[in-house]
Amino acid sequence: MHVFQAAFVPDPLAVADMRGSTAAFLGQAGLTGPITDNVVLAVSELITNATEHGHGVIELRLRAVGGTLTVSVTDENPAPAVLQQAGPDDISGRGMALVAALADKWGSSGKETWCQFFCDSIGSPT
């Protein structure tokens, strides 16, 4: 099992930091191939969503075990993330649709929004 966790205050600069941390974690966990780009993009969208709509401290948790990578983002906003139907001229509102398209499963319970990727290239623990 491989686990990464970070907590930070809402800041647009945190999005890039968490993309880099996620890419490093995936490499350390032995996850390779095109799925890594999908995971990094999903993390970017979830962190952006929490930064724009969340409250309080944001937490990112990544957990890779047994062929499943789980991404979890929490904040203090009790409203769940929802899929929106963005129009062609809208400049935002596509983040959760991207996560839903990239991940094998996703959900939101309010303070937590998560997604899962099923893969067979997670390395053994280091």
C-alpha atoms as a PDB file:
ATOM      1  CA  MET A   1       0.000   0.000   0.000  1.00  0.00           C
ATOM      2  CA  HIS A   2       1.175   3.510  -0.855  1.00  0.00           C
ATOM      3  CA  VAL A   3      -0.365   6.599   0.755  1.00  0.00           C
ATOM      4  CA  PHE A   4       0.125  10.342   0.288  1.00  0.00           C
ATOM      5  CA  GLN A   5      -1.644  13.048   2.257  1.00  0.00           C
ATOM      6  CA  ALA A   6      -1.366  16.847   2.218  1.00  0.00           C
ATOM      7  CA  ALA A   7      -3.350  19.617   3.915  1.00  0.00           C
ATOM      8  CA  PHE A   8      -3.291  23.239   2.765  1.00  0.00           C
ATOM      9  CA  VAL A   9      -5.315  26.437   2.728  1.00  0.00           C
ATOM     10  CA  PRO A  10      -7.287  27.293  -0.415  1.00  0.00           C
ATOM     11  CA  ASP A  11      -4.852  28.897  -2.834  1.00  0.00           C
ATOM     12  CA  PRO A  12      -4.805  28.653  -6.635  1.00  0.00           C
ATOM     13  CA  LEU A  13      -1.045  27.990  -6.450  1.00  0.00           C
ATOM     14  CA  ALA A  14      -1.761  24.802  -4.498  1.00  0.00           C
ATOM     15  CA  VAL A  15      -3.244  23.239  -7.629  1.00  0.00           C
ATOM     16  CA  ALA A  16       0.137  23.116  -9.388  1.00  0.00           C
ATOM     17  CA  ASP A  17       1.859  21.952  -6.195  1.00  0.00           C
ATOM     18  CA  MET A  18      -0.590  19.066  -5.789  1.00  0.00           C
ATOM     19  CA  ARG A  19      -0.241  18.081  -9.471  1.00  0.00           C
ATOM     20  CA  GLY A  20       3.515  17.794  -8.943  1.00  0.00           C
ATOM     21  CA  SER A  21       3.131  15.918  -5.656  1.00  0.00           C
ATOM     22  CA  THR A  22       0.647  13.541  -7.283  1.00  0.00           C
ATOM     23  CA  ALA A  23       2.965  12.810 -10.201  1.00  0.00           C
ATOM     24  CA  ALA A  24       5.814  12.103  -7.768  1.00  0.00           C
ATOM     25  CA  PHE A  25       3.577   9.837  -5.656  1.00  0.00           C
ATOM     26  CA  LEU A  26       2.419   7.890  -8.704  1.00  0.00           C
ATOM     27  CA  GLY A  27       6.015   7.306  -9.783  1.00  0.00           C
ATOM     28  CA  GLN A  28       6.962   6.145  -6.293  1.00  0.00           C
ATOM     29  CA  ALA A  29       3.944   3.819  -6.221  1.00  0.00           C
ATOM     30  CA  GLY A  30       5.043   2.296  -9.525  1.00  0.00           C
ATOM     31  CA  LEU A  31       2.020   3.515 -11.469  1.00  0.00           C
ATOM     32  CA  THR A  32       2.978   4.035 -15.097  1.00  0.00           C
ATOM     33  CA  GLY A  33       1.410   4.676 -18.456  1.00  0.00           C
ATOM     34  CA  PRO A  34      -1.368   6.950 -19.682  1.00  0.00           C
ATOM     35  CA  ILE A  35      -3.419   6.501 -16.513  1.00  0.00           C
ATOM     36  CA  THR A  36      -0.966   8.741 -14.666  1.00  0.00           C
ATOM     37  CA  ASP A  37      -1.979  11.732 -16.796  1.00  0.00           C
ATOM     38  CA  ASN A  38      -5.637  10.997 -16.049  1.00  0.00           C
ATOM     39  CA  VAL A  39      -4.999  10.826 -12.306  1.00  0.00           C
ATOM     40  CA  VAL A  40      -3.005  14.077 -12.301  1.00  0.00           C
ATOM     41  CA  LEU A  41      -5.768  15.823 -14.281  1.00  0.00           C
ATOM     42  CA  ALA A  42      -8.462  14.501 -11.923  1.00  0.00           C
ATOM     43  CA  VAL A  43      -6.481  15.734  -8.902  1.00  0.00           C
ATOM     44  CA  SER A  44      -6.105  19.116 -10.581  1.00  0.00           C
ATOM     45  CA  GLU A  45      -9.852  19.379 -11.144  1.00  0.00           C
ATOM     46  CA  LEU A  46     -10.763  18.233  -7.621  1.00  0.00           C
ATOM     47  CA  ILE A  47      -8.302  20.643  -5.998  1.00  0.00           C
ATOM     48  CA  THR A  48      -9.495  23.498  -8.222  1.00  0.00           C
ATOM     49  CA  ASN A  49     -13.097  22.709  -7.258  1.00  0.00           C
ATOM     50  CA  ALA A  50     -12.231  22.695  -3.547  1.00  0.00           C
ATOM     51  CA  THR A  51     -10.240  25.918  -3.888  1.00  0.00           C
ATOM     52  CA  GLU A  52     -13.102  27.705  -5.647  1.00  0.00           C
ATOM     53  CA  HIS A  53     -16.088  26.269  -3.762  1.00  0.00           C
ATOM     54  CA  GLY A  54     -14.761  24.783  -0.534  1.00  0.00           C
ATOM     55  CA  HIS A  55     -14.316  26.228   2.924  1.00  0.00           C
ATOM     56  CA  GLY A  56     -11.435  25.889   5.345  1.00  0.00           C
ATOM     57  CA  VAL A  57      -8.440  23.624   5.030  1.00  0.00           C
ATOM     58  CA  ILE A  58      -8.311  21.323   1.999  1.00  0.00           C
ATOM     59  CA  GLU A  59      -6.935  17.797   2.312  1.00  0.00           C
ATOM     60  CA  LEU A  60      -5.742  15.618  -0.546  1.00  0.00           C
ATOM     61  CA  ARG A  61      -5.335  11.887   0.091  1.00  0.00           C
ATOM     62  CA  LEU A  62      -4.026   9.384  -2.427  1.00  0.00           C
ATOM     63  CA  ARG A  63      -4.107   5.673  -1.635  1.00  0.00           C
ATOM     64  CA  ALA A  64      -2.824   2.960  -3.956  1.00  0.00           C
ATOM     65  CA  VAL A  65      -3.530  -0.611  -2.927  1.00  0.00           C
ATOM     66  CA  GLY A  66      -4.336  -3.837  -4.746  1.00  0.00           C
ATOM     67  CA  GLY A  67      -4.876  -2.362  -8.201  1.00  0.00           C
ATOM     68  CA  THR A  68      -7.043   0.539  -6.998  1.00  0.00           C
ATOM     69  CA  LEU A  69      -5.922   4.131  -6.695  1.00  0.00           C
ATOM     70  CA  THR A  70      -8.282   6.305  -4.641  1.00  0.00           C
ATOM     71  CA  VAL A  71      -8.119  10.096  -4.738  1.00  0.00           C
ATOM     72  CA  SER A  72      -9.958  11.939  -1.965  1.00  0.00           C
ATOM     73  CA  VAL A  73     -10.298  15.696  -1.489  1.00  0.00           C
ATOM     74  CA  THR A  74     -12.004  17.097   1.596  1.00  0.00           C
ATOM     75  CA  ASP A  75     -12.853  20.558   2.849  1.00  0.00           C
ATOM     76  CA  GLU A  76     -15.413  22.027   5.243  1.00  0.00           C
ATOM     77  CA  ASN A  77     -18.139  22.781   2.688  1.00  0.00           C
ATOM     78  CA  PRO A  78     -21.060  20.414   3.414  1.00  0.00           C
ATOM     79  CA  ALA A  79     -22.485  20.790  -0.118  1.00  0.00           C
ATOM     80  CA  PRO A  80     -21.564  17.863  -2.386  1.00  0.00           C
ATOM     81  CA  ALA A  81     -19.846  18.368  -5.719  1.00  0.00           C
ATOM     82  CA  VAL A  82     -22.257  17.983  -8.625  1.00  0.00           C
ATOM     83  CA  LEU A  83     -22.001  17.409 -12.344  1.00  0.00           C
ATOM     84  CA  GLN A  84     -22.952  20.506 -14.270  1.00  0.00           C
ATOM     85  CA  GLN A  85     -23.942  20.816 -17.883  1.00  0.00           C
ATOM     86  CA  ALA A  86     -21.663  23.626 -19.051  1.00  0.00           C
ATOM     87  CA  GLY A  87     -22.669  25.467 -22.181  1.00  0.00           C
ATOM     88  CA  PRO A  88     -20.302  26.006 -25.106  1.00  0.00           C
ATOM     89  CA  ASP A  89     -19.606  29.597 -24.013  1.00  0.00           C
ATOM     90  CA  ASP A  90     -19.148  28.848 -20.289  1.00  0.00           C
ATOM     91  CA  ILE A  91     -15.603  29.312 -19.064  1.00  0.00           C
ATOM     92  CA  SER A  92     -16.043  26.919 -16.115  1.00  0.00           C
ATOM     93  CA  GLY A  93     -18.308  24.147 -14.877  1.00  0.00           C
ATOM     94  CA  ARG A  94     -16.642  21.160 -16.571  1.00  0.00           C
ATOM     95  CA  GLY A  95     -14.400  19.926 -13.748  1.00  0.00           C
ATOM     96  CA  MET A  96     -16.589  17.196 -12.312  1.00  0.00           C
ATOM     97  CA  ALA A  97     -17.566  16.056 -15.812  1.00  0.00           C
ATOM     98  CA  LEU A  98     -13.855  15.584 -16.538  1.00  0.00           C
ATOM     99  CA  VAL A  99     -13.374  13.635 -13.311  1.00  0.00           C
ATOM    100  CA  ALA A 100     -16.386  11.448 -14.138  1.00  0.00           C
ATOM    101  CA  ALA A 101     -15.019  10.793 -17.632  1.00  0.00           C
ATOM    102  CA  LEU A 102     -11.467  10.011 -16.477  1.00  0.00           C
ATOM    103  CA  ALA A 103     -12.121   7.915 -13.360  1.00  0.00           C
ATOM    104  CA  ASP A 104     -13.682   4.490 -13.076  1.00  0.00           C
ATOM    105  CA  LYS A 105     -15.855   5.636 -10.142  1.00  0.00           C
ATOM    106  CA  TRP A 106     -16.455   8.914  -8.354  1.00  0.00           C
ATOM    107  CA  GLY A 107     -18.721  10.360  -5.715  1.00  0.00           C
ATOM    108  CA  SER A 108     -19.268  13.194  -3.286  1.00  0.00           C
ATOM    109  CA  SER A 109     -20.668  13.059   0.205  1.00  0.00           C
ATOM    110  CA  GLY A 110     -20.450  16.770   0.831  1.00  0.00           C
ATOM    111  CA  LYS A 111     -17.188  17.428   2.606  1.00  0.00           C
ATOM    112  CA  GLU A 112     -15.445  14.673   0.624  1.00  0.00           C
ATOM    113  CA  THR A 113     -15.230  14.225  -3.123  1.00  0.00           C
ATOM    114  CA  TRP A 114     -13.408  11.149  -4.338  1.00  0.00           C
ATOM    115  CA  CYS A 115     -12.607   9.150  -7.424  1.00  0.00           C
ATOM    116  CA  GLN A 116     -11.071   5.760  -8.121  1.00  0.00           C
ATOM    117  CA  PHE A 117      -8.917   4.380 -10.880  1.00  0.00           C
ATOM    118  CA  PHE A 118      -8.596   0.629 -11.407  1.00  0.00           C
ATOM    119  CA  CYS A 119      -5.240  -0.482 -12.731  1.00  0.00           C
ATOM    120  CA  ASP A 120      -2.821  -3.361 -12.599  1.00  0.00           C
ATOM    121  CA  SER A 121       0.449  -1.439 -12.651  1.00  0.00           C
ATOM    122  CA  ILE A 122       0.724  -0.396  -8.996  1.00  0.00           C
ATOM    123  CA  GLY A 123       4.117  -1.489  -7.748  1.00  0.00           C
ATOM    124  CA  SER A 124       4.849  -3.274  -4.515  1.00  0.00           C
ATOM    125  CA  PRO A 125       5.412  -1.191  -1.374  1.00  0.00           C
ATOM    126  CA  THR A 126       8.815   0.389  -0.961  1.00  0.00           C
END
